[in-house]
C-alpha atoms as a PDB file:
ATOM      1  CA  MET A   1       0.275  -0.060  -0.334  1.00  0.00           C
ATOM      2  CA  PHE A   2       1.332   3.447  -0.737  1.00  0.00           C
ATOM      3  CA  ILE A   3       0.870   6.829   1.173  1.00  0.00           C
ATOM      4  CA  CYS A   4       0.764  10.054  -0.814  1.00  0.00           C
ATOM      5  CA  PHE A   5       2.105  13.020   0.831  1.00  0.00           C
ATOM      6  CA  ALA A   6       0.098  15.916  -0.444  1.00  0.00           C
ATOM      7  CA  VAL A   7       2.507  19.066  -1.673  1.00  0.00           C
ATOM      8  CA  SER A   8       0.748  22.540  -1.723  1.00  0.00           C
ATOM      9  CA  SER A   9       0.553  24.919  -4.730  1.00  0.00           C
ATOM     10  CA  LYS A  10       2.204  24.133  -7.897  1.00  0.00           C
ATOM     11  CA  ASN A  11       5.833  24.314  -6.705  1.00  0.00           C
ATOM     12  CA  PRO A  12       8.114  21.801  -8.413  1.00  0.00           C
ATOM     13  CA  SER A  13       8.264  18.597  -6.148  1.00  0.00           C
ATOM     14  CA  ILE A  14       9.829  15.207  -5.865  1.00  0.00           C
ATOM     15  CA  VAL A  15       7.556  13.245  -3.570  1.00  0.00           C
ATOM     16  CA  ILE A  16       8.974   9.567  -2.052  1.00  0.00           C
ATOM     17  CA  ASN A  17       5.596   7.607  -1.218  1.00  0.00           C
ATOM     18  CA  SER A  18       5.420   5.974   1.548  1.00  0.00           C
ATOM     19  CA  ALA A  19       4.852   2.170   1.850  1.00  0.00           C
ATOM     20  CA  ARG A  20       3.760  -0.308   4.857  1.00  0.00           C
ATOM     21  CA  GLY A  21       4.804  -3.973   5.479  1.00  0.00           C
ATOM     22  CA  GLU A  22       5.782  -6.376   8.285  1.00  0.00           C
ATOM     23  CA  ALA A  23       9.514  -7.290   9.750  1.00  0.00           C
ATOM     24  CA  GLY A  24      10.783  -9.609   6.566  1.00  0.00           C
ATOM     25  CA  ASP A  25       8.341  -8.094   3.932  1.00  0.00           C
ATOM     26  CA  THR A  26       9.308  -6.464   0.382  1.00  0.00           C
ATOM     27  CA  VAL A  27       8.014  -3.019  -0.222  1.00  0.00           C
ATOM     28  CA  ASP A  28       7.979  -0.999  -3.166  1.00  0.00           C
ATOM     29  CA  VAL A  29       8.419   2.851  -3.131  1.00  0.00           C
ATOM     30  CA  THR A  30       8.003   5.122  -5.797  1.00  0.00           C
ATOM     31  CA  ILE A  31       9.743   8.383  -6.682  1.00  0.00           C
ATOM     32  CA  THR A  32       7.346  10.954  -8.306  1.00  0.00           C
ATOM     33  CA  MET A  33       8.128  14.271 -10.072  1.00  0.00           C
ATOM     34  CA  SER A  34       5.431  16.992 -10.376  1.00  0.00           C
ATOM     35  CA  ASN A  35       5.332  20.510 -11.729  1.00  0.00           C
ATOM     36  CA  ASN A  36       8.676  20.069 -13.497  1.00  0.00           C
ATOM     37  CA  PRO A  37       9.934  23.574 -14.622  1.00  0.00           C
ATOM     38  CA  GLY A  38      12.242  21.944 -17.240  1.00  0.00           C
ATOM     39  CA  PHE A  39      15.753  20.442 -16.825  1.00  0.00           C
ATOM     40  CA  VAL A  40      18.516  17.968 -18.833  1.00  0.00           C
ATOM     41  CA  SER A  41      20.311  16.688 -16.249  1.00  0.00           C
ATOM     42  CA  ALA A  42      19.320  15.266 -12.464  1.00  0.00           C
ATOM     43  CA  ASN A  43      21.159  13.552  -9.606  1.00  0.00           C
ATOM     44  CA  LEU A  44      18.811  12.418  -6.925  1.00  0.00           C
ATOM     45  CA  TYR A  45      20.485  10.390  -3.510  1.00  0.00           C
ATOM     46  CA  VAL A  46      18.245   8.491  -1.568  1.00  0.00           C
ATOM     47  CA  LYS A  47      18.882   8.182   2.019  1.00  0.00           C
ATOM     48  CA  TYR A  48      17.704   5.345   4.220  1.00  0.00           C
ATOM     49  CA  ASP A  49      18.523   3.405   7.215  1.00  0.00           C
ATOM     50  CA  GLU A  50      20.846   0.369   6.112  1.00  0.00           C
ATOM     51  CA  SER A  51      20.092  -1.618   9.646  1.00  0.00           C
ATOM     52  CA  VAL A  52      16.139  -1.470   8.553  1.00  0.00           C
ATOM     53  CA  LEU A  53      16.057  -1.683   4.739  1.00  0.00           C
ATOM     54  CA  THR A  54      17.910  -3.235   1.944  1.00  0.00           C
ATOM     55  CA  LEU A  55      17.880  -2.059  -1.313  1.00  0.00           C
ATOM     56  CA  LYS A  56      17.075  -4.864  -3.506  1.00  0.00           C
ATOM     57  CA  LYS A  57      15.870  -3.665  -7.030  1.00  0.00           C
ATOM     58  CA  VAL A  58      15.482  -0.428  -8.948  1.00  0.00           C
ATOM     59  CA  LYS A  59      13.144   0.129 -12.215  1.00  0.00           C
ATOM     60  CA  ASP A  60      13.582   3.609 -13.926  1.00  0.00           C
ATOM     61  CA  GLY A  61      10.148   4.846 -14.610  1.00  0.00           C
ATOM     62  CA  GLY A  62      11.110   5.535 -18.338  1.00  0.00           C
ATOM     63  CA  LEU A  63      10.529   9.489 -18.455  1.00  0.00           C
ATOM     64  CA  LEU A  64      13.968  11.057 -18.830  1.00  0.00           C
ATOM     65  CA  SER A  65      16.776   9.288 -21.046  1.00  0.00           C
ATOM     66  CA  GLY A  66      20.813   9.115 -20.244  1.00  0.00           C
ATOM     67  CA  VAL A  67      19.896   6.912 -17.531  1.00  0.00           C
ATOM     68  CA  THR A  68      23.287   6.114 -15.327  1.00  0.00           C
ATOM     69  CA  HIS A  69      21.650   5.124 -12.093  1.00  0.00           C
ATOM     70  CA  SER A  70      24.419   3.788  -9.334  1.00  0.00           C
ATOM     71  CA  ASP A  71      25.144  -0.146  -9.251  1.00  0.00           C
ATOM     72  CA  ASN A  72      26.188   0.119  -5.763  1.00  0.00           C
ATOM     73  CA  TYR A  73      22.727  -0.546  -3.802  1.00  0.00           C
ATOM     74  CA  THR A  74      23.797   1.185  -0.319  1.00  0.00           C
ATOM     75  CA  SER A  75      22.962   4.656   1.139  1.00  0.00           C
ATOM     76  CA  PRO A  76      22.973   7.329  -0.304  1.00  0.00           C
ATOM     77  CA  TYR A  77      21.797   5.612  -3.716  1.00  0.00           C
ATOM     78  CA  GLY A  78      22.248   7.500  -6.763  1.00  0.00           C
ATOM     79  CA  LEU A  79      19.936   7.912  -9.359  1.00  0.00           C
ATOM     80  CA  CYS A  80      21.197   9.743 -12.182  1.00  0.00           C
ATOM     81  CA  TRP A  81      19.628  10.974 -15.512  1.00  0.00           C
ATOM     82  CA  VAL A  82      22.521  12.676 -17.540  1.00  0.00           C
ATOM     83  CA  ASN A  83      21.686  14.692 -21.019  1.00  0.00           C
ATOM     84  CA  ASP A  84      24.222  17.711 -21.035  1.00  0.00           C
ATOM     85  CA  LEU A  85      24.273  17.748 -24.530  1.00  0.00           C
ATOM     86  CA  SER A  86      20.382  18.627 -24.888  1.00  0.00           C
ATOM     87  CA  LYS A  87      19.341  21.807 -25.896  1.00  0.00           C
ATOM     88  CA  GLU A  88      16.037  21.664 -24.460  1.00  0.00           C
ATOM     89  CA  ASN A  89      14.600  21.173 -21.099  1.00  0.00           C
ATOM     90  CA  PHE A  90      12.480  18.092 -20.301  1.00  0.00           C
ATOM     91  CA  LYS A  91       9.208  18.800 -18.942  1.00  0.00           C
ATOM     92  CA  VAL A  92       7.880  15.439 -18.080  1.00  0.00           C
ATOM     93  CA  ASN A  93       5.921  14.688 -14.843  1.00  0.00           C
ATOM     94  CA  GLY A  94       5.438  10.993 -13.157  1.00  0.00           C
ATOM     95  CA  VAL A  95       7.156   8.256 -11.789  1.00  0.00           C
ATOM     96  CA  LEU A  96      10.862   8.433 -12.072  1.00  0.00           C
ATOM     97  CA  ALA A  97      11.953   5.220 -10.499  1.00  0.00           C
ATOM     98  CA  THR A  98      10.668   2.362  -8.092  1.00  0.00           C
ATOM     99  CA  LEU A  99      12.480   1.060  -5.283  1.00  0.00           C
ATOM    100  CA  THR A 100      12.269  -2.451  -4.199  1.00  0.00           C
ATOM    101  CA  PHE A 101      13.217  -2.506  -0.104  1.00  0.00           C
ATOM    102  CA  GLU A 102      13.692  -5.531   1.993  1.00  0.00           C
ATOM    103  CA  ILE A 103      12.516  -4.855   5.927  1.00  0.00           C
ATOM    104  CA  SER A 104      14.761  -6.358   8.065  1.00  0.00           C
ATOM    105  CA  LYS A 105      13.424  -9.768   9.696  1.00  0.00           C
ATOM    106  CA  GLU A 106      14.701  -7.898  13.107  1.00  0.00           C
ATOM    107  CA  ALA A 107      12.957  -4.773  12.339  1.00  0.00           C
ATOM    108  CA  ASN A 108      10.894  -3.106  15.492  1.00  0.00           C
ATOM    109  CA  PRO A 109       7.346  -1.984  14.931  1.00  0.00           C
ATOM    110  CA  GLY A 110       6.948   1.736  13.909  1.00  0.00           C
ATOM    111  CA  SER A 111       8.685   3.847  11.071  1.00  0.00           C
ATOM    112  CA  THR A 112      11.840   4.129   9.241  1.00  0.00           C
ATOM    113  CA  THR A 113      12.268   7.367   6.632  1.00  0.00           C
ATOM    114  CA  ILE A 114      13.546   7.714   3.389  1.00  0.00           C
ATOM    115  CA  SER A 115      14.909  11.279   2.129  1.00  0.00           C
ATOM    116  CA  LEU A 116      16.231  12.745  -1.086  1.00  0.00           C
ATOM    117  CA  GLU A 117      18.843  15.469  -1.843  1.00  0.00           C
ATOM    118  CA  GLN A 118      18.829  16.622  -5.244  1.00  0.00           C
ATOM    119  CA  ASP A 119      21.298  18.153  -8.152  1.00  0.00           C
ATOM    120  CA  ILE A 120      19.483  19.131 -10.751  1.00  0.00           C
ATOM    121  CA  LEU A 121      20.508  21.680 -13.874  1.00  0.00           C
ATOM    122  CA  ASN A 122      18.774  22.955 -16.914  1.00  0.00           C
ATOM    123  CA  CYS A 123      20.063  23.297 -20.274  1.00  0.00           C
ATOM    124  CA  ASP A 124      21.458  26.995 -19.067  1.00  0.00           C
ATOM    125  CA  ILE A 125      23.698  25.008 -16.690  1.00  0.00           C
ATOM    126  CA  GLU A 126      21.153  26.621 -13.822  1.00  0.00           C
ATOM    127  CA  ASN A 127      20.308  24.818 -10.680  1.00  0.00           C
ATOM    128  CA  VAL A 128      16.828  23.869 -10.727  1.00  0.00           C
ATOM    129  CA  VAL A 129      15.247  23.036  -7.081  1.00  0.00           C
ATOM    130  CA  PHE A 130      12.293  20.886  -6.258  1.00  0.00           C
ATOM    131  CA  ASP A 131      10.570  20.587  -3.165  1.00  0.00           C
ATOM    132  CA  LEU A 132      11.577  17.390  -1.747  1.00  0.00           C
ATOM    133  CA  VAL A 133       8.873  15.123   0.320  1.00  0.00           C
ATOM    134  CA  SER A 134      10.441  12.270   2.624  1.00  0.00           C
ATOM    135  CA  GLY A 135       8.890   9.084   2.501  1.00  0.00           C
ATOM    136  CA  LYS A 136       8.149   6.649   5.188  1.00  0.00           C
ATOM    137  CA  VAL A 137       8.260   2.642   5.572  1.00  0.00           C
ATOM    138  CA  GLU A 138       5.887   2.122   8.477  1.00  0.00           C
ATOM    139  CA  ILE A 139       6.467  -1.654  10.105  1.00  0.00           C
ATOM    140  CA  SER A 140       3.542  -3.284  11.549  1.00  0.00           C
ATOM    141  CA  SER A 141       3.792  -6.005  13.786  1.00  0.00           C
ATOM    142  CA  SER A 142       2.085  -9.525  12.645  1.00  0.00           C
ATOM    143  CA  SER A 143      -0.978  -8.942  14.681  1.00  0.00           C
ATOM    144  CA  GLN A 144      -1.442  -5.987  13.076  1.00  0.00           C
ATOM    145  CA  SER A 145      -3.570  -5.267   9.659  1.00  0.00           C
ATOM    146  CA  LYS A 146      -1.904  -3.658   6.829  1.00  0.00           C
ATOM    147  CA  ASP A 147      -5.271  -2.479   5.869  1.00  0.00           C
ATOM    148  CA  SER A 148      -5.526  -0.806   9.165  1.00  0.00           C
ATOM    149  CA  ASP A 149      -6.783   2.598   7.367  1.00  0.00           C
ATOM    150  CA  LEU A 150      -9.997   1.022   6.654  1.00  0.00           C
ATOM    151  CA  PRO A 151     -11.537   1.331   9.977  1.00  0.00           C
ATOM    152  CA  GLU A 152     -15.546   0.871   8.923  1.00  0.00           C
ATOM    153  CA  THR A 153     -14.294  -2.541   7.631  1.00  0.00           C
ATOM    154  CA  THR A 154     -12.489  -3.163  10.914  1.00  0.00           C
ATOM    155  CA  SER A 155     -15.293  -2.119  12.845  1.00  0.00           C
ATOM    156  CA  LYS A 156     -17.485  -4.374  10.999  1.00  0.00           C
ATOM    157  CA  ALA A 157     -15.470  -7.206  11.115  1.00  0.00           C
ATOM    158  CA  SER A 158     -15.216  -6.628  15.064  1.00  0.00           C
ATOM    159  CA  ASN A 159     -19.080  -6.832  15.268  1.00  0.00           C
ATOM    160  CA  SER A 160     -19.147  -9.680  13.040  1.00  0.00           C
ATOM    161  CA  ASP A 161     -16.965 -11.551  15.275  1.00  0.00           C
ATOM    162  CA  SER A 162     -19.101  -9.950  18.083  1.00  0.00           C
ATOM    163  CA  ASN A 163     -21.921 -11.403  16.785  1.00  0.00           C
ATOM    164  CA  VAL A 164     -20.397 -14.556  16.185  1.00  0.00           C
ATOM    165  CA  ASN A 165     -19.389 -14.706  19.873  1.00  0.00           C
ATOM    166  CA  SER A 166     -22.740 -14.142  21.038  1.00  0.00           C
ATOM    167  CA  VAL A 167     -23.918 -16.985  18.698  1.00  0.00           C
ATOM    168  CA  ASP A 168     -21.222 -19.177  20.482  1.00  0.00           C
ATOM    169  CA  ASP A 169     -22.382 -17.929  23.911  1.00  0.00           C
ATOM    170  CA  SER A 170     -25.563 -18.832  23.039  1.00  0.00           C
ATOM    171  CA  ASP A 171     -24.783 -22.210  21.597  1.00  0.00           C
ATOM    172  CA  LYS A 172     -22.368 -22.815  24.543  1.00  0.00           C
ATOM    173  CA  ALA A 173     -25.268 -21.803  27.045  1.00  0.00           C
ATOM    174  CA  SER A 174     -27.610 -24.481  25.006  1.00  0.00           C
ATOM    175  CA  LYS A 175     -25.318 -26.935  25.548  1.00  0.00           C
ATOM    176  CA  ASN A 176     -24.397 -26.572  29.152  1.00  0.00           C
ATOM    177  CA  ASN A 177     -28.398 -26.623  29.822  1.00  0.00           C
ATOM    178  CA  GLU A 178     -28.269 -29.885  27.635  1.00  0.00           C
ATOM    179  CA  SER A 179     -25.277 -31.454  29.622  1.00  0.00           C
ATOM    180  CA  VAL A 180     -27.502 -30.386  32.683  1.00  0.00           C
ATOM    181  CA  ASN A 181     -30.279 -32.097  31.402  1.00  0.00           C
ATOM    182  CA  GLN A 182     -28.245 -35.185  30.457  1.00  0.00           C
ATOM    183  CA  SER A 183     -26.487 -35.282  33.800  1.00  0.00           C
ATOM    184  CA  GLU A 184     -30.225 -35.280  35.588  1.00  0.00           C
ATOM    185  CA  VAL A 185     -31.284 -38.214  33.047  1.00  0.00           C
ATOM    186  CA  LYS A 186     -27.864 -39.779  33.856  1.00  0.00           C
ATOM    187  CA  ASP A 187     -28.296 -39.134  37.624  1.00  0.00           C
ATOM    188  CA  SER A 188     -31.924 -40.646  37.402  1.00  0.00           C
ATOM    189  CA  ASP A 189     -30.761 -43.517  35.211  1.00  0.00           C
ATOM    190  CA  ALA A 190     -28.276 -44.006  38.064  1.00  0.00           C
ATOM    191  CA  SER A 191     -30.611 -44.027  40.808  1.00  0.00           C
ATOM    192  CA  ASP A 192     -33.108 -46.947  38.948  1.00  0.00           C
ATOM    193  CA  ILE A 193     -29.607 -48.728  38.050  1.00  0.00           C
ATOM    194  CA  ASN A 194     -29.089 -48.720  41.831  1.00  0.00           C
ATOM    195  CA  GLU A 195     -32.490 -49.781  42.929  1.00  0.00           C
ATOM    196  CA  LYS A 196     -32.377 -52.619  40.491  1.00  0.00           C
ATOM    197  CA  SER A 197     -29.342 -53.423  41.334  1.00  0.00           C
ATOM    198  CA  GLU A 198     -30.176 -53.737  45.102  1.00  0.00           C
ATOM    199  CA  ASP A 199     -33.435 -56.061  43.865  1.00  0.00           C
ATOM    200  CA  TYR A 200     -30.883 -58.202  41.854  1.00  0.00           C
ATOM    201  CA  ASP A 201     -28.532 -58.332  45.097  1.00  0.00           C
ATOM    202  CA  ALA A 202     -31.691 -59.300  47.006  1.00  0.00           C
ATOM    203  CA  THR A 203     -32.858 -61.781  44.386  1.00  0.00           C
ATOM    204  CA  VAL A 204     -29.262 -63.289  44.439  1.00  0.00           C
ATOM    205  CA  LEU A 205     -28.832 -63.610  48.204  1.00  0.00           C
ATOM    206  CA  SER A 206     -32.418 -65.414  48.234  1.00  0.00           C
ATOM    207  CA  THR A 207     -31.577 -67.589  45.607  1.00  0.00           C
ATOM    208  CA  SER A 208     -28.014 -68.407  47.332  1.00  0.00           C
ATOM    209  CA  ASP A 209     -30.111 -69.205  50.529  1.00  0.00           C
ATOM    210  CA  LEU A 210     -32.393 -71.384  48.701  1.00  0.00           C
ATOM    211  CA  VAL A 211     -29.489 -73.014  46.914  1.00  0.00           C
ATOM    212  CA  GLY A 212     -27.442 -73.525  50.420  1.00  0.00           C
ATOM    213  CA  ASN A 213     -30.761 -74.719  51.909  1.00  0.00           C
ATOM    214  CA  THR A 214     -31.374 -77.543  48.965  1.00  0.00           C
ATOM    215  CA  LYS A 215     -27.788 -78.551  49.289  1.00  0.00           C
ATOM    216  CA  LYS A 216     -28.340 -79.401  53.004  1.00  0.00           C
ATOM    217  CA  SER A 217     -31.203 -80.938  52.836  1.00  0.00           C
ATOM    218  CA  SER A 218     -29.724 -83.072  49.690  1.00  0.00           C
ATOM    219  CA  THR A 219     -26.847 -84.011  51.879  1.00  0.00           C
ATOM    220  CA  SER A 220     -28.702 -84.897  54.969  1.00  0.00           C
ATOM    221  CA  ASP A 221     -31.213 -87.002  52.541  1.00  0.00           C
ATOM    222  CA  SER A 222     -27.961 -88.775  51.063  1.00  0.00           C
ATOM    223  CA  ALA A 223     -26.896 -90.074  54.749  1.00  0.00           C
ATOM    224  CA  THR A 224     -30.574 -91.048  55.459  1.00  0.00           C
ATOM    225  CA  ASN A 225     -30.387 -93.428  52.373  1.00  0.00           C
ATOM    226  CA  LYS A 226     -26.962 -94.514  52.917  1.00  0.00           C
ATOM    227  CA  VAL A 227     -28.053 -95.475  56.469  1.00  0.00           C
ATOM    228  CA  GLY A 228     -31.105 -97.157  55.141  1.00  0.00           C
ATOM    229  CA  GLY A 229     -29.288 -99.042  52.656  1.00  0.00           C
ATOM    230  CA  VAL A 230     -26.845-100.527  55.719  1.00  0.00           C
ATOM    231  CA  VAL A 231     -29.890-101.344  57.600  1.00  0.00           C
ATOM    232  CA  GLN A 232     -31.467-102.954  54.386  1.00  0.00           C
ATOM    233  CA  THR A 233     -28.761-105.050  53.483  1.00  0.00           C
ATOM    234  CA  VAL A 234     -28.078-106.144  57.211  1.00  0.00           C
ATOM    235  CA  SER A 235     -31.492-107.497  57.491  1.00  0.00           C
ATOM    236  CA  ILE A 236     -30.983-109.437  54.248  1.00  0.00           C
ATOM    237  CA  LEU A 237     -27.862-110.843  55.544  1.00  0.00           C
ATOM    238  CA  ILE A 238     -29.568-111.886  58.645  1.00  0.00           C
ATOM    239  CA  ALA A 239     -32.550-113.754  56.906  1.00  0.00           C
ATOM    240  CA  VAL A 240     -30.444-115.497  54.471  1.00  0.00           C
ATOM    241  CA  ILE A 241     -28.476-116.727  57.520  1.00  0.00           C
ATOM    242  CA  LEU A 242     -31.626-117.908  59.263  1.00  0.00           C
ATOM    243  CA  ILE A 243     -33.057-119.275  55.953  1.00  0.00           C
ATOM    244  CA  ALA A 244     -29.526-121.580  55.442  1.00  0.00           C
ATOM    245  CA  ALA A 245     -29.924-122.312  59.277  1.00  0.00           C
ATOM    246  CA  ILE A 246     -33.413-123.780  59.169  1.00  0.00           C
ATOM    247  CA  ILE A 247     -32.558-125.729  55.688  1.00  0.00           C
ATOM    248  CA  LEU A 248     -29.254-127.109  57.868  1.00  0.00           C
ATOM    249  CA  THR A 249     -31.545-127.939  60.490  1.00  0.00           C
ATOM    250  CA  ALA A 250     -34.031-129.608  58.390  1.00  0.00           C
ATOM    251  CA  VAL A 251     -31.250-131.751  56.643  1.00  0.00           C
ATOM    252  CA  PHE A 252     -29.719-132.651  59.735  1.00  0.00           C
ATOM    253  CA  VAL A 253     -32.677-134.031  61.035  1.00  0.00           C
ATOM    254  CA  TYR A 254     -33.489-136.188  57.891  1.00  0.00           C
ATOM    255  CA  TYR A 255     -30.377-137.220  57.873  1.00  0.00           C
ATOM    256  CA  LYS A 256     -30.462-138.615  61.294  1.00  0.00           C
ATOM    257  CA  ARG A 257     -33.861-140.491  60.750  1.00  0.00           C
ATOM    258  CA  THR A 258     -32.844-141.785  57.433  1.00  0.00           C
ATOM    259  CA  ARG A 259     -29.991-143.833  59.534  1.00  0.00           C
ATOM    260  CA  LYS A 260     -31.916-145.108  62.536  1.00  0.00           C
ATOM    261  CA  LYS A 261     -34.453-146.840  59.717  1.00  0.00           C
END
């Protein structure tokens, strides 16, 4: 972005237009001439702070012939148009040159000045004096907008952000209410689950008691059955013995009677 400084009345003037950028950026600075009374040769010396700005490129505006700009890109930098043999003065106006600067990456936010010195002659070998207007390179921080000269847009953006924040707050409140409701539902569900868990535990305990009693009853019945089985076996053995005794007695009696006969 270029910022032009107004020059009063109709005085011959050479103006350095200002620019804005962040540390590490590359900016273009134009040098413009107006109300030119006429000259044949001109030397302009561009002064700048080399610890903040580094001259990277120079583009001539094409208004004047005899271009002999310096190849040494240091401050002060020399812009030269030499036409000593011309018999007529050049009265053109417009952009004399465009200088491209790189802002140092270590540059602090603020501004740095670019100024001019002049040595201009007409065809009569007379000095021609122009009003010289220095320019500035505004160095902004990364958080600042390069279009800060548009407050209305910034205001709209701020209002938009405010509306967005309002909507976000509303959404957050809604989400918080939903969260509370869900929490209440969860607490209710947890209460139901606890009650069901208690009922389940009671049922389990009851079932466990029933199983325990059943096991005890089964154990008792098993012992009774074992005792009954033993008694029955003994009874059978006694009966067999008695029958055997009766049979033996009968056989003995029969044998004795048979021998007497």
